[in-house]
Amino acid sequence: MHDDLFSHLTSTPEPFVPGAYLLRDFVGQQDQPLLHDLQRILAQAPWRHMQTPGGLTMSVAMSNCGKLGWVSDRRGYRYASLDPLSGLPWPKMPPSFEALAQSAAAVAGCEQFQPDACLINRYESGTKLSLHQDKDERDFSQPIVSVSLGVAAIFLFGGLKRSDPVLRTELTHGDVVVWGGPSRLRYHGIAPLKPEEHPLMGRVRINLTFRAAG
């Protein structure tokens, strides 16, 4: 069941390609509860810059909440039930987060979405995320739900091969992208963030990416 917080929201899905949809301003005026819960998460699991398996430091700062958290280090990319910095379980996923993810997925036709992980990314001016696939999850039948907060960003959405053509779409505060089915393993990323400022979030962009990982 979806929490009442988002039960009133409506948005006409804008299809990218089969299985991928953009929900403009889906968050609406419910951004304050999300940001309040985000601060509680970060108090338990602060921002960190993870390492790639090759030893490079990622420019995007990250945290997690939920039963599982996405981590990266010399051992590779994977999900873990414990925060490697504290050795404690990741913060529980707040009801506001889960309700948003499930409501957005339902609007996009994925009524059974049950996220157990939320990767939280922080982008600053010049920060980018190279094209990649979300393929560390066990069940590819479940979609990805991605929520944008703060400074606008250019979302890059490619094909099933890294060399495929890339669609470029601006995402602004409150936008949600849902992709699954034939689009589930498409490459995607974020172009370098422009040096702009958002009235609520300042000079950063926060991205909440919900997955059914376990």
N, C-alpha and C. Protein backbone atom coordinates (compact mmCIF):
# COMPACT_ATOMS: atom_id res chain seq x y z
N MET A 1 0.84 -1.19 0.00
CA MET A 1 0.00 0.00 0.00
C MET A 1 0.87 1.24 0.00
N HIS A 2 0.48 2.27 -0.76
CA HIS A 2 1.22 3.51 -0.81
C HIS A 2 0.81 4.40 0.36
N ASP A 3 1.79 5.10 0.91
CA ASP A 3 1.52 6.04 1.97
C ASP A 3 0.66 7.19 1.44
N ASP A 4 -0.21 7.76 2.30
CA ASP A 4 -1.11 8.83 1.89
C ASP A 4 -0.36 10.06 1.40
N LEU A 5 0.92 10.18 1.78
CA LEU A 5 1.70 11.36 1.44
C LEU A 5 1.70 11.63 -0.06
N PHE A 6 1.74 10.57 -0.87
CA PHE A 6 1.82 10.75 -2.31
C PHE A 6 0.60 10.23 -3.05
N SER A 7 -0.44 9.83 -2.32
CA SER A 7 -1.58 9.19 -2.97
C SER A 7 -2.35 10.17 -3.87
N HIS A 8 -2.22 11.48 -3.62
CA HIS A 8 -2.97 12.46 -4.40
C HIS A 8 -2.25 12.89 -5.66
N LEU A 9 -0.98 12.52 -5.80
CA LEU A 9 -0.20 13.03 -6.90
C LEU A 9 -0.59 12.38 -8.22
N THR A 10 -0.66 13.19 -9.24
CA THR A 10 -0.93 12.68 -10.58
C THR A 10 0.08 13.29 -11.54
N SER A 11 0.49 12.55 -12.49
CA SER A 11 1.43 13.04 -13.50
C SER A 11 1.28 12.16 -14.72
N THR A 12 1.22 12.78 -15.87
CA THR A 12 1.12 12.02 -17.11
C THR A 12 2.51 11.56 -17.51
N PRO A 13 2.75 10.25 -17.56
CA PRO A 13 4.10 9.78 -17.91
C PRO A 13 4.47 10.19 -19.33
N GLU A 14 5.67 10.75 -19.47
CA GLU A 14 6.21 11.07 -20.78
C GLU A 14 7.18 9.95 -21.17
N PRO A 15 6.85 9.15 -22.19
CA PRO A 15 7.73 8.03 -22.53
C PRO A 15 9.00 8.49 -23.22
N PHE A 16 10.13 7.93 -22.79
CA PHE A 16 11.40 8.08 -23.52
C PHE A 16 11.39 7.09 -24.69
N VAL A 17 11.42 5.85 -24.29
CA VAL A 17 11.43 4.68 -25.16
C VAL A 17 10.58 3.64 -24.45
N PRO A 18 10.24 2.52 -25.09
CA PRO A 18 9.42 1.52 -24.39
C PRO A 18 10.00 1.13 -23.03
N GLY A 19 9.20 1.29 -21.99
CA GLY A 19 9.62 0.91 -20.65
C GLY A 19 10.23 2.02 -19.82
N ALA A 20 10.44 3.20 -20.39
CA ALA A 20 11.07 4.30 -19.66
C ALA A 20 10.18 5.53 -19.73
N TYR A 21 9.96 6.16 -18.55
CA TYR A 21 9.02 7.27 -18.45
C TYR A 21 9.58 8.40 -17.59
N LEU A 22 9.22 9.61 -17.96
CA LEU A 22 9.54 10.79 -17.18
C LEU A 22 8.26 11.34 -16.55
N LEU A 23 8.29 11.56 -15.24
CA LEU A 23 7.17 12.14 -14.51
C LEU A 23 7.59 13.53 -14.06
N ARG A 24 7.13 14.55 -14.77
CA ARG A 24 7.54 15.92 -14.47
C ARG A 24 6.94 16.40 -13.14
N ASP A 25 7.81 16.95 -12.28
CA ASP A 25 7.42 17.55 -11.00
C ASP A 25 6.53 16.61 -10.19
N PHE A 26 6.82 15.34 -10.20
CA PHE A 26 6.00 14.38 -9.48
C PHE A 26 6.06 14.60 -7.97
N VAL A 27 7.21 15.04 -7.48
CA VAL A 27 7.36 15.26 -6.04
C VAL A 27 6.47 16.40 -5.57
N GLY A 28 6.34 17.44 -6.39
CA GLY A 28 5.49 18.56 -6.04
C GLY A 28 5.90 19.22 -4.74
N GLN A 29 4.92 19.51 -3.90
CA GLN A 29 5.18 20.21 -2.64
C GLN A 29 5.55 19.26 -1.50
N GLN A 30 5.79 18.01 -1.82
CA GLN A 30 6.19 17.04 -0.80
C GLN A 30 7.70 16.93 -0.68
N ASP A 31 8.45 17.93 -1.20
CA ASP A 31 9.90 17.86 -1.12
C ASP A 31 10.39 18.08 0.32
N GLN A 32 9.67 18.86 1.10
CA GLN A 32 10.13 19.13 2.46
C GLN A 32 10.19 17.88 3.34
N PRO A 33 9.16 17.01 3.35
CA PRO A 33 9.29 15.77 4.12
C PRO A 33 10.45 14.91 3.64
N LEU A 34 10.68 14.87 2.33
CA LEU A 34 11.81 14.09 1.82
C LEU A 34 13.14 14.63 2.33
N LEU A 35 13.29 15.94 2.26
CA LEU A 35 14.55 16.55 2.69
C LEU A 35 14.76 16.41 4.20
N HIS A 36 13.68 16.49 4.96
CA HIS A 36 13.78 16.28 6.40
C HIS A 36 14.26 14.86 6.69
N ASP A 37 13.68 13.88 6.02
CA ASP A 37 14.10 12.49 6.23
C ASP A 37 15.50 12.25 5.71
N LEU A 38 15.88 12.95 4.64
CA LEU A 38 17.24 12.81 4.12
C LEU A 38 18.28 13.24 5.15
N GLN A 39 18.03 14.33 5.85
CA GLN A 39 18.99 14.78 6.86
C GLN A 39 19.13 13.76 7.99
N ARG A 40 18.06 13.10 8.34
CA ARG A 40 18.13 12.07 9.36
C ARG A 40 18.97 10.89 8.88
N ILE A 41 18.84 10.54 7.61
CA ILE A 41 19.65 9.45 7.04
C ILE A 41 21.13 9.82 7.08
N LEU A 42 21.43 11.05 6.64
CA LEU A 42 22.83 11.46 6.55
C LEU A 42 23.48 11.61 7.92
N ALA A 43 22.69 11.85 8.95
CA ALA A 43 23.24 11.90 10.29
C ALA A 43 23.76 10.53 10.72
N GLN A 44 23.15 9.47 10.18
CA GLN A 44 23.58 8.10 10.50
C GLN A 44 24.61 7.56 9.52
N ALA A 45 24.45 7.93 8.24
CA ALA A 45 25.34 7.42 7.18
C ALA A 45 25.80 8.62 6.34
N PRO A 46 26.83 9.34 6.79
CA PRO A 46 27.25 10.58 6.12
C PRO A 46 27.73 10.35 4.69
N TRP A 47 27.78 11.46 3.95
CA TRP A 47 28.32 11.42 2.58
C TRP A 47 29.71 10.82 2.58
N ARG A 48 30.01 10.08 1.53
CA ARG A 48 31.36 9.56 1.33
C ARG A 48 31.63 9.45 -0.17
N HIS A 49 32.91 9.50 -0.54
CA HIS A 49 33.32 9.32 -1.94
C HIS A 49 33.93 7.93 -2.05
N MET A 50 33.20 7.02 -2.69
CA MET A 50 33.65 5.64 -2.81
C MET A 50 34.73 5.49 -3.88
N GLN A 51 35.44 4.39 -3.81
CA GLN A 51 36.46 4.07 -4.81
C GLN A 51 35.92 3.09 -5.83
N THR A 52 36.39 3.22 -7.06
CA THR A 52 36.08 2.24 -8.08
C THR A 52 36.96 1.01 -7.88
N PRO A 53 36.62 -0.12 -8.49
CA PRO A 53 37.50 -1.29 -8.38
C PRO A 53 38.91 -1.01 -8.88
N GLY A 54 39.05 -0.04 -9.79
CA GLY A 54 40.37 0.32 -10.30
C GLY A 54 41.14 1.27 -9.42
N GLY A 55 40.54 1.70 -8.30
CA GLY A 55 41.24 2.55 -7.35
C GLY A 55 41.00 4.03 -7.49
N LEU A 56 40.13 4.45 -8.41
CA LEU A 56 39.82 5.85 -8.58
C LEU A 56 38.75 6.29 -7.59
N THR A 57 38.81 7.54 -7.17
CA THR A 57 37.80 8.07 -6.26
C THR A 57 36.66 8.69 -7.05
N MET A 58 35.44 8.30 -6.75
CA MET A 58 34.29 8.82 -7.46
C MET A 58 34.05 10.28 -7.07
N SER A 59 33.71 11.11 -8.05
CA SER A 59 33.45 12.53 -7.77
C SER A 59 32.11 12.74 -7.11
N VAL A 60 31.17 11.85 -7.33
CA VAL A 60 29.84 11.95 -6.73
C VAL A 60 29.89 11.43 -5.30
N ALA A 61 29.42 12.23 -4.35
CA ALA A 61 29.32 11.78 -2.96
C ALA A 61 28.07 10.92 -2.81
N MET A 62 28.14 9.89 -1.96
CA MET A 62 27.06 8.91 -1.89
C MET A 62 26.72 8.53 -0.46
N SER A 63 25.49 8.05 -0.28
CA SER A 63 25.05 7.39 0.93
C SER A 63 23.95 6.43 0.52
N ASN A 64 23.36 5.73 1.48
CA ASN A 64 22.31 4.75 1.20
C ASN A 64 21.33 4.69 2.35
N CYS A 65 20.13 4.18 2.05
CA CYS A 65 19.21 3.77 3.09
C CYS A 65 18.44 2.57 2.58
N GLY A 66 17.87 1.81 3.51
CA GLY A 66 17.15 0.60 3.15
C GLY A 66 17.84 -0.63 3.68
N LYS A 67 17.29 -1.79 3.37
CA LYS A 67 17.88 -3.05 3.85
C LYS A 67 19.25 -3.28 3.24
N LEU A 68 19.46 -2.77 2.02
CA LEU A 68 20.73 -2.94 1.34
C LEU A 68 21.24 -1.59 0.86
N GLY A 69 22.57 -1.46 0.77
CA GLY A 69 23.17 -0.25 0.24
C GLY A 69 24.19 -0.60 -0.82
N TRP A 70 24.25 0.22 -1.87
CA TRP A 70 25.21 -0.02 -2.95
C TRP A 70 26.57 0.51 -2.52
N VAL A 71 27.60 -0.31 -2.68
CA VAL A 71 28.95 0.09 -2.31
C VAL A 71 29.93 -0.27 -3.42
N SER A 72 31.05 0.42 -3.41
CA SER A 72 32.10 0.18 -4.39
C SER A 72 33.46 0.38 -3.73
N ASP A 73 34.37 -0.56 -3.99
CA ASP A 73 35.74 -0.44 -3.52
C ASP A 73 36.61 -1.36 -4.38
N ARG A 74 37.81 -1.65 -3.91
CA ARG A 74 38.72 -2.50 -4.68
C ARG A 74 38.15 -3.89 -4.93
N ARG A 75 37.18 -4.31 -4.11
CA ARG A 75 36.58 -5.64 -4.26
C ARG A 75 35.51 -5.66 -5.33
N GLY A 76 35.07 -4.50 -5.79
CA GLY A 76 34.08 -4.46 -6.85
C GLY A 76 32.81 -3.75 -6.44
N TYR A 77 31.82 -3.74 -7.36
CA TYR A 77 30.51 -3.14 -7.11
C TYR A 77 29.60 -4.21 -6.53
N ARG A 78 28.79 -3.83 -5.52
CA ARG A 78 27.92 -4.82 -4.90
C ARG A 78 26.96 -4.14 -3.93
N TYR A 79 26.03 -4.91 -3.40
CA TYR A 79 25.15 -4.45 -2.34
C TYR A 79 25.59 -5.08 -1.02
N ALA A 80 25.46 -4.31 0.05
CA ALA A 80 25.84 -4.79 1.37
C ALA A 80 24.79 -4.36 2.38
N SER A 81 24.56 -5.18 3.38
CA SER A 81 23.57 -4.86 4.40
C SER A 81 24.12 -3.92 5.46
N LEU A 82 25.46 -3.80 5.54
CA LEU A 82 26.10 -2.95 6.54
C LEU A 82 26.85 -1.81 5.86
N ASP A 83 26.83 -0.66 6.50
CA ASP A 83 27.61 0.49 6.06
C ASP A 83 29.08 0.20 6.35
N PRO A 84 29.95 0.17 5.35
CA PRO A 84 31.36 -0.16 5.60
C PRO A 84 32.08 0.86 6.48
N LEU A 85 31.57 2.09 6.58
CA LEU A 85 32.22 3.09 7.42
C LEU A 85 31.93 2.88 8.90
N SER A 86 30.69 2.48 9.21
CA SER A 86 30.30 2.33 10.61
C SER A 86 30.21 0.89 11.07
N GLY A 87 30.04 -0.03 10.12
CA GLY A 87 29.80 -1.42 10.46
C GLY A 87 28.39 -1.70 10.93
N LEU A 88 27.53 -0.69 10.85
CA LEU A 88 26.14 -0.82 11.29
C LEU A 88 25.22 -0.95 10.09
N PRO A 89 23.99 -1.45 10.29
CA PRO A 89 23.04 -1.49 9.17
C PRO A 89 22.79 -0.08 8.63
N TRP A 90 22.49 -0.02 7.35
CA TRP A 90 22.12 1.25 6.76
C TRP A 90 20.86 1.79 7.42
N PRO A 91 20.66 3.11 7.45
CA PRO A 91 19.42 3.65 7.99
C PRO A 91 18.20 3.05 7.29
N LYS A 92 17.13 2.86 8.04
CA LYS A 92 15.90 2.34 7.45
C LYS A 92 15.37 3.32 6.40
N MET A 93 14.73 2.76 5.37
CA MET A 93 14.13 3.62 4.36
C MET A 93 12.91 4.30 4.96
N PRO A 94 12.85 5.63 4.97
CA PRO A 94 11.71 6.32 5.55
C PRO A 94 10.43 6.03 4.76
N PRO A 95 9.27 6.05 5.42
CA PRO A 95 8.01 5.85 4.71
C PRO A 95 7.82 6.84 3.57
N SER A 96 8.30 8.09 3.73
CA SER A 96 8.16 9.06 2.65
C SER A 96 8.92 8.65 1.40
N PHE A 97 10.09 8.06 1.57
CA PHE A 97 10.88 7.59 0.44
C PHE A 97 10.18 6.43 -0.27
N GLU A 98 9.77 5.44 0.53
CA GLU A 98 9.14 4.25 -0.03
C GLU A 98 7.84 4.61 -0.74
N ALA A 99 7.07 5.51 -0.13
CA ALA A 99 5.80 5.90 -0.74
C ALA A 99 6.01 6.59 -2.08
N LEU A 100 7.01 7.48 -2.15
CA LEU A 100 7.31 8.16 -3.40
C LEU A 100 7.70 7.17 -4.48
N ALA A 101 8.60 6.25 -4.15
CA ALA A 101 9.09 5.28 -5.14
C ALA A 101 7.95 4.40 -5.65
N GLN A 102 7.12 3.91 -4.74
CA GLN A 102 6.03 3.03 -5.14
C GLN A 102 4.97 3.77 -5.93
N SER A 103 4.67 5.00 -5.55
CA SER A 103 3.67 5.78 -6.27
C SER A 103 4.13 6.11 -7.68
N ALA A 104 5.38 6.51 -7.83
CA ALA A 104 5.92 6.82 -9.15
C ALA A 104 5.95 5.57 -10.03
N ALA A 105 6.38 4.45 -9.46
CA ALA A 105 6.42 3.21 -10.23
C ALA A 105 5.03 2.81 -10.69
N ALA A 106 4.03 2.98 -9.82
CA ALA A 106 2.66 2.61 -10.18
C ALA A 106 2.14 3.46 -11.33
N VAL A 107 2.43 4.76 -11.32
CA VAL A 107 2.01 5.63 -12.41
C VAL A 107 2.63 5.18 -13.73
N ALA A 108 3.85 4.64 -13.65
CA ALA A 108 4.54 4.16 -14.85
C ALA A 108 4.18 2.72 -15.20
N GLY A 109 3.21 2.13 -14.47
CA GLY A 109 2.75 0.80 -14.81
C GLY A 109 3.42 -0.33 -14.06
N CYS A 110 4.19 -0.01 -13.01
CA CYS A 110 4.90 -1.04 -12.23
C CYS A 110 4.32 -1.05 -10.81
N GLU A 111 3.10 -1.57 -10.68
CA GLU A 111 2.38 -1.48 -9.42
C GLU A 111 2.97 -2.33 -8.31
N GLN A 112 3.77 -3.31 -8.63
CA GLN A 112 4.27 -4.24 -7.62
C GLN A 112 5.67 -3.91 -7.11
N PHE A 113 6.18 -2.72 -7.42
CA PHE A 113 7.54 -2.36 -7.05
C PHE A 113 7.70 -2.33 -5.53
N GLN A 114 8.71 -3.03 -5.03
CA GLN A 114 9.02 -3.09 -3.61
C GLN A 114 10.50 -2.76 -3.41
N PRO A 115 10.87 -1.49 -3.31
CA PRO A 115 12.29 -1.14 -3.18
C PRO A 115 12.85 -1.55 -1.83
N ASP A 116 14.05 -2.09 -1.84
CA ASP A 116 14.73 -2.40 -0.59
C ASP A 116 16.06 -1.66 -0.47
N ALA A 117 16.36 -0.80 -1.44
CA ALA A 117 17.60 -0.03 -1.43
C ALA A 117 17.36 1.32 -2.07
N CYS A 118 17.96 2.34 -1.50
CA CYS A 118 17.94 3.68 -2.10
C CYS A 118 19.36 4.23 -2.06
N LEU A 119 19.96 4.37 -3.23
CA LEU A 119 21.27 5.00 -3.36
C LEU A 119 21.05 6.50 -3.46
N ILE A 120 21.76 7.26 -2.64
CA ILE A 120 21.62 8.71 -2.58
C ILE A 120 22.90 9.34 -3.10
N ASN A 121 22.80 10.12 -4.17
CA ASN A 121 23.97 10.76 -4.77
C ASN A 121 23.89 12.26 -4.60
N ARG A 122 25.05 12.90 -4.36
CA ARG A 122 25.13 14.35 -4.30
C ARG A 122 26.08 14.85 -5.39
N TYR A 123 25.53 15.68 -6.28
CA TYR A 123 26.30 16.26 -7.37
C TYR A 123 26.58 17.72 -7.07
N GLU A 124 27.81 18.16 -7.34
CA GLU A 124 28.17 19.56 -7.24
C GLU A 124 28.59 20.05 -8.62
N SER A 125 28.87 21.34 -8.75
CA SER A 125 29.23 21.91 -10.04
C SER A 125 30.39 21.14 -10.68
N GLY A 126 30.18 20.72 -11.94
CA GLY A 126 31.21 19.98 -12.66
C GLY A 126 31.17 18.48 -12.46
N THR A 127 30.42 18.02 -11.45
CA THR A 127 30.33 16.58 -11.19
C THR A 127 29.48 15.90 -12.25
N LYS A 128 29.88 14.71 -12.63
CA LYS A 128 29.13 13.94 -13.62
C LYS A 128 29.08 12.49 -13.21
N LEU A 129 28.27 11.72 -13.91
CA LEU A 129 28.21 10.27 -13.73
C LEU A 129 28.27 9.64 -15.10
N SER A 130 29.34 8.91 -15.35
CA SER A 130 29.54 8.32 -16.67
C SER A 130 28.47 7.28 -16.99
N LEU A 131 28.29 7.02 -18.28
CA LEU A 131 27.32 6.02 -18.71
C LEU A 131 27.60 4.67 -18.05
N HIS A 132 26.56 4.06 -17.53
CA HIS A 132 26.70 2.78 -16.84
C HIS A 132 25.36 2.07 -16.86
N GLN A 133 25.36 0.80 -16.52
CA GLN A 133 24.14 0.01 -16.36
C GLN A 133 23.93 -0.29 -14.88
N ASP A 134 22.69 -0.31 -14.43
CA ASP A 134 22.36 -0.79 -13.09
C ASP A 134 22.13 -2.30 -13.21
N LYS A 135 23.17 -3.07 -12.90
CA LYS A 135 23.09 -4.51 -13.12
C LYS A 135 23.58 -5.33 -11.93
N ASP A 136 23.70 -4.70 -10.76
CA ASP A 136 24.12 -5.42 -9.57
C ASP A 136 22.93 -5.98 -8.79
N GLU A 137 21.72 -5.70 -9.27
CA GLU A 137 20.51 -6.19 -8.61
C GLU A 137 20.21 -7.63 -9.04
N ARG A 138 19.47 -8.35 -8.22
CA ARG A 138 19.18 -9.75 -8.52
C ARG A 138 17.99 -9.92 -9.46
N ASP A 139 17.05 -8.99 -9.40
CA ASP A 139 15.80 -9.14 -10.14
C ASP A 139 15.63 -8.00 -11.13
N PHE A 140 15.93 -8.26 -12.41
CA PHE A 140 15.83 -7.23 -13.43
C PHE A 140 14.39 -7.00 -13.88
N SER A 141 13.44 -7.76 -13.33
CA SER A 141 12.04 -7.51 -13.67
C SER A 141 11.49 -6.29 -12.93
N GLN A 142 12.21 -5.85 -11.90
CA GLN A 142 11.81 -4.68 -11.13
C GLN A 142 12.43 -3.41 -11.73
N PRO A 143 11.70 -2.29 -11.75
CA PRO A 143 12.22 -1.09 -12.38
C PRO A 143 13.22 -0.34 -11.51
N ILE A 144 13.80 0.70 -12.09
CA ILE A 144 14.59 1.68 -11.36
C ILE A 144 13.74 2.95 -11.26
N VAL A 145 13.70 3.56 -10.07
CA VAL A 145 12.99 4.82 -9.88
C VAL A 145 14.01 5.86 -9.42
N SER A 146 14.16 6.93 -10.20
CA SER A 146 15.19 7.95 -9.95
C SER A 146 14.54 9.31 -9.73
N VAL A 147 14.82 9.93 -8.57
CA VAL A 147 14.20 11.19 -8.17
C VAL A 147 15.25 12.30 -8.16
N SER A 148 14.94 13.42 -8.80
CA SER A 148 15.85 14.57 -8.87
C SER A 148 15.41 15.67 -7.93
N LEU A 149 16.35 16.19 -7.14
CA LEU A 149 16.10 17.30 -6.24
C LEU A 149 17.23 18.32 -6.39
N GLY A 150 16.90 19.60 -6.43
CA GLY A 150 17.93 20.63 -6.49
C GLY A 150 18.22 21.11 -7.90
N VAL A 151 19.50 21.41 -8.15
CA VAL A 151 19.94 21.99 -9.42
C VAL A 151 19.57 21.07 -10.58
N ALA A 152 19.17 21.66 -11.70
CA ALA A 152 18.82 20.88 -12.89
C ALA A 152 20.04 20.14 -13.43
N ALA A 153 19.79 19.01 -14.06
CA ALA A 153 20.86 18.20 -14.64
C ALA A 153 20.40 17.64 -15.97
N ILE A 154 21.37 17.31 -16.82
CA ILE A 154 21.09 16.67 -18.09
C ILE A 154 21.24 15.16 -17.91
N PHE A 155 20.11 14.46 -18.03
CA PHE A 155 20.08 13.00 -17.91
C PHE A 155 20.41 12.39 -19.26
N LEU A 156 21.37 11.49 -19.26
CA LEU A 156 21.80 10.80 -20.47
C LEU A 156 21.21 9.39 -20.45
N PHE A 157 20.44 9.05 -21.48
CA PHE A 157 19.80 7.75 -21.52
C PHE A 157 20.13 7.09 -22.85
N GLY A 158 20.96 6.06 -22.79
CA GLY A 158 21.45 5.41 -23.99
C GLY A 158 20.72 4.12 -24.29
N GLY A 159 21.43 3.20 -24.92
CA GLY A 159 20.84 1.93 -25.31
C GLY A 159 21.43 0.78 -24.50
N LEU A 160 21.30 -0.42 -25.04
CA LEU A 160 21.80 -1.60 -24.35
C LEU A 160 23.28 -1.81 -24.56
N LYS A 161 23.88 -1.01 -25.46
CA LYS A 161 25.32 -1.00 -25.66
C LYS A 161 25.84 0.40 -25.36
N ARG A 162 27.06 0.47 -24.83
CA ARG A 162 27.62 1.77 -24.48
C ARG A 162 27.75 2.68 -25.69
N SER A 163 27.91 2.09 -26.86
CA SER A 163 28.12 2.87 -28.08
C SER A 163 26.81 3.34 -28.73
N ASP A 164 25.67 2.94 -28.19
CA ASP A 164 24.38 3.34 -28.78
C ASP A 164 24.14 4.84 -28.64
N PRO A 165 23.32 5.43 -29.50
CA PRO A 165 22.98 6.85 -29.37
C PRO A 165 22.38 7.17 -28.00
N VAL A 166 22.59 8.40 -27.55
CA VAL A 166 22.17 8.82 -26.21
C VAL A 166 21.14 9.94 -26.31
N LEU A 167 20.02 9.78 -25.60
CA LEU A 167 19.03 10.84 -25.46
C LEU A 167 19.46 11.76 -24.32
N ARG A 168 19.29 13.06 -24.50
CA ARG A 168 19.65 14.05 -23.48
C ARG A 168 18.37 14.78 -23.03
N THR A 169 18.05 14.69 -21.75
CA THR A 169 16.84 15.29 -21.22
C THR A 169 17.16 16.05 -19.94
N GLU A 170 16.68 17.28 -19.84
CA GLU A 170 16.90 18.04 -18.62
C GLU A 170 15.94 17.57 -17.52
N LEU A 171 16.49 17.32 -16.34
CA LEU A 171 15.70 16.96 -15.17
C LEU A 171 15.79 18.10 -14.17
N THR A 172 14.64 18.55 -13.69
CA THR A 172 14.61 19.64 -12.73
C THR A 172 14.08 19.13 -11.39
N HIS A 173 14.08 20.00 -10.41
CA HIS A 173 13.69 19.66 -9.05
C HIS A 173 12.29 19.04 -9.03
N GLY A 174 12.19 17.84 -8.47
CA GLY A 174 10.91 17.15 -8.34
C GLY A 174 10.59 16.17 -9.45
N ASP A 175 11.41 16.14 -10.51
CA ASP A 175 11.17 15.19 -11.60
C ASP A 175 11.55 13.77 -11.18
N VAL A 176 10.84 12.80 -11.72
CA VAL A 176 11.12 11.38 -11.45
C VAL A 176 11.19 10.65 -12.78
N VAL A 177 12.19 9.78 -12.91
CA VAL A 177 12.32 8.91 -14.08
C VAL A 177 12.17 7.46 -13.62
N VAL A 178 11.36 6.71 -14.35
CA VAL A 178 11.15 5.29 -14.06
C VAL A 178 11.49 4.50 -15.31
N TRP A 179 12.37 3.49 -15.17
CA TRP A 179 12.63 2.64 -16.33
C TRP A 179 12.74 1.18 -15.91
N GLY A 180 12.16 0.32 -16.76
CA GLY A 180 12.15 -1.11 -16.51
C GLY A 180 11.82 -1.85 -17.78
N GLY A 181 11.45 -3.13 -17.66
CA GLY A 181 11.11 -3.92 -18.84
C GLY A 181 12.22 -3.91 -19.86
N PRO A 182 11.92 -3.58 -21.14
CA PRO A 182 12.95 -3.61 -22.18
C PRO A 182 14.01 -2.53 -22.00
N SER A 183 13.77 -1.55 -21.12
CA SER A 183 14.74 -0.47 -20.89
C SER A 183 15.56 -0.67 -19.63
N ARG A 184 15.28 -1.73 -18.90
CA ARG A 184 15.88 -1.90 -17.56
C ARG A 184 17.40 -1.84 -17.56
N LEU A 185 18.06 -2.38 -18.58
CA LEU A 185 19.52 -2.43 -18.59
C LEU A 185 20.14 -1.42 -19.55
N ARG A 186 19.40 -0.40 -19.90
CA ARG A 186 19.97 0.64 -20.75
C ARG A 186 21.04 1.44 -20.00
N TYR A 187 22.05 1.85 -20.75
CA TYR A 187 23.08 2.72 -20.18
C TYR A 187 22.49 4.09 -19.89
N HIS A 188 22.97 4.72 -18.81
CA HIS A 188 22.48 6.03 -18.44
C HIS A 188 23.54 6.74 -17.61
N GLY A 189 23.41 8.05 -17.49
CA GLY A 189 24.37 8.82 -16.73
C GLY A 189 23.90 10.26 -16.58
N ILE A 190 24.78 11.11 -16.05
CA ILE A 190 24.50 12.52 -15.84
C ILE A 190 25.66 13.34 -16.42
N ALA A 191 25.32 14.32 -17.28
CA ALA A 191 26.33 15.22 -17.83
C ALA A 191 26.87 16.11 -16.71
N PRO A 192 28.06 16.71 -16.90
CA PRO A 192 28.62 17.59 -15.86
C PRO A 192 27.62 18.65 -15.41
N LEU A 193 27.47 18.76 -14.10
CA LEU A 193 26.49 19.69 -13.54
C LEU A 193 26.94 21.13 -13.74
N LYS A 194 26.02 21.98 -14.17
CA LYS A 194 26.34 23.38 -14.41
C LYS A 194 26.41 24.14 -13.08
N PRO A 195 27.20 25.22 -13.03
CA PRO A 195 27.34 26.01 -11.80
C PRO A 195 26.13 26.91 -11.57
N GLU A 196 25.02 26.31 -11.18
CA GLU A 196 23.79 27.05 -10.94
C GLU A 196 23.40 26.92 -9.48
N GLU A 197 22.31 27.56 -9.11
CA GLU A 197 21.86 27.51 -7.72
C GLU A 197 20.35 27.32 -7.68
N HIS A 198 19.92 26.45 -6.79
CA HIS A 198 18.50 26.20 -6.60
C HIS A 198 18.05 26.91 -5.31
N PRO A 199 16.87 27.55 -5.30
CA PRO A 199 16.47 28.33 -4.13
C PRO A 199 16.32 27.51 -2.85
N LEU A 200 16.05 26.24 -2.97
CA LEU A 200 15.88 25.39 -1.78
C LEU A 200 17.13 24.59 -1.46
N MET A 201 17.83 24.13 -2.50
CA MET A 201 18.91 23.18 -2.33
C MET A 201 20.30 23.79 -2.46
N GLY A 202 20.38 25.04 -2.86
CA GLY A 202 21.69 25.64 -3.06
C GLY A 202 22.32 25.20 -4.37
N ARG A 203 23.63 24.94 -4.36
CA ARG A 203 24.37 24.66 -5.58
C ARG A 203 24.58 23.16 -5.81
N VAL A 204 23.70 22.35 -5.28
CA VAL A 204 23.87 20.90 -5.41
C VAL A 204 22.61 20.26 -5.99
N ARG A 205 22.80 19.07 -6.51
CA ARG A 205 21.70 18.21 -6.95
C ARG A 205 21.76 16.93 -6.14
N ILE A 206 20.63 16.52 -5.60
CA ILE A 206 20.51 15.25 -4.90
C ILE A 206 19.68 14.31 -5.73
N ASN A 207 20.15 13.09 -5.88
CA ASN A 207 19.43 12.07 -6.64
C ASN A 207 19.14 10.87 -5.73
N LEU A 208 17.89 10.47 -5.68
CA LEU A 208 17.48 9.28 -4.94
C LEU A 208 17.15 8.20 -5.97
N THR A 209 17.89 7.10 -5.92
CA THR A 209 17.67 6.03 -6.88
C THR A 209 17.22 4.78 -6.14
N PHE A 210 15.98 4.39 -6.39
CA PHE A 210 15.37 3.25 -5.69
C PHE A 210 15.49 1.99 -6.53
N ARG A 211 15.87 0.90 -5.86
CA ARG A 211 16.03 -0.40 -6.54
C ARG A 211 15.44 -1.52 -5.70
N ALA A 212 15.06 -2.60 -6.34
CA ALA A 212 14.79 -3.86 -5.67
C ALA A 212 16.05 -4.68 -5.85
N ALA A 213 16.93 -4.64 -4.86
CA ALA A 213 18.29 -5.15 -5.04
C ALA A 213 18.47 -6.59 -4.58
N GLY A 214 17.75 -6.97 -3.53
CA GLY A 214 18.01 -8.27 -2.94
C GLY A 214 17.10 -9.37 -3.43
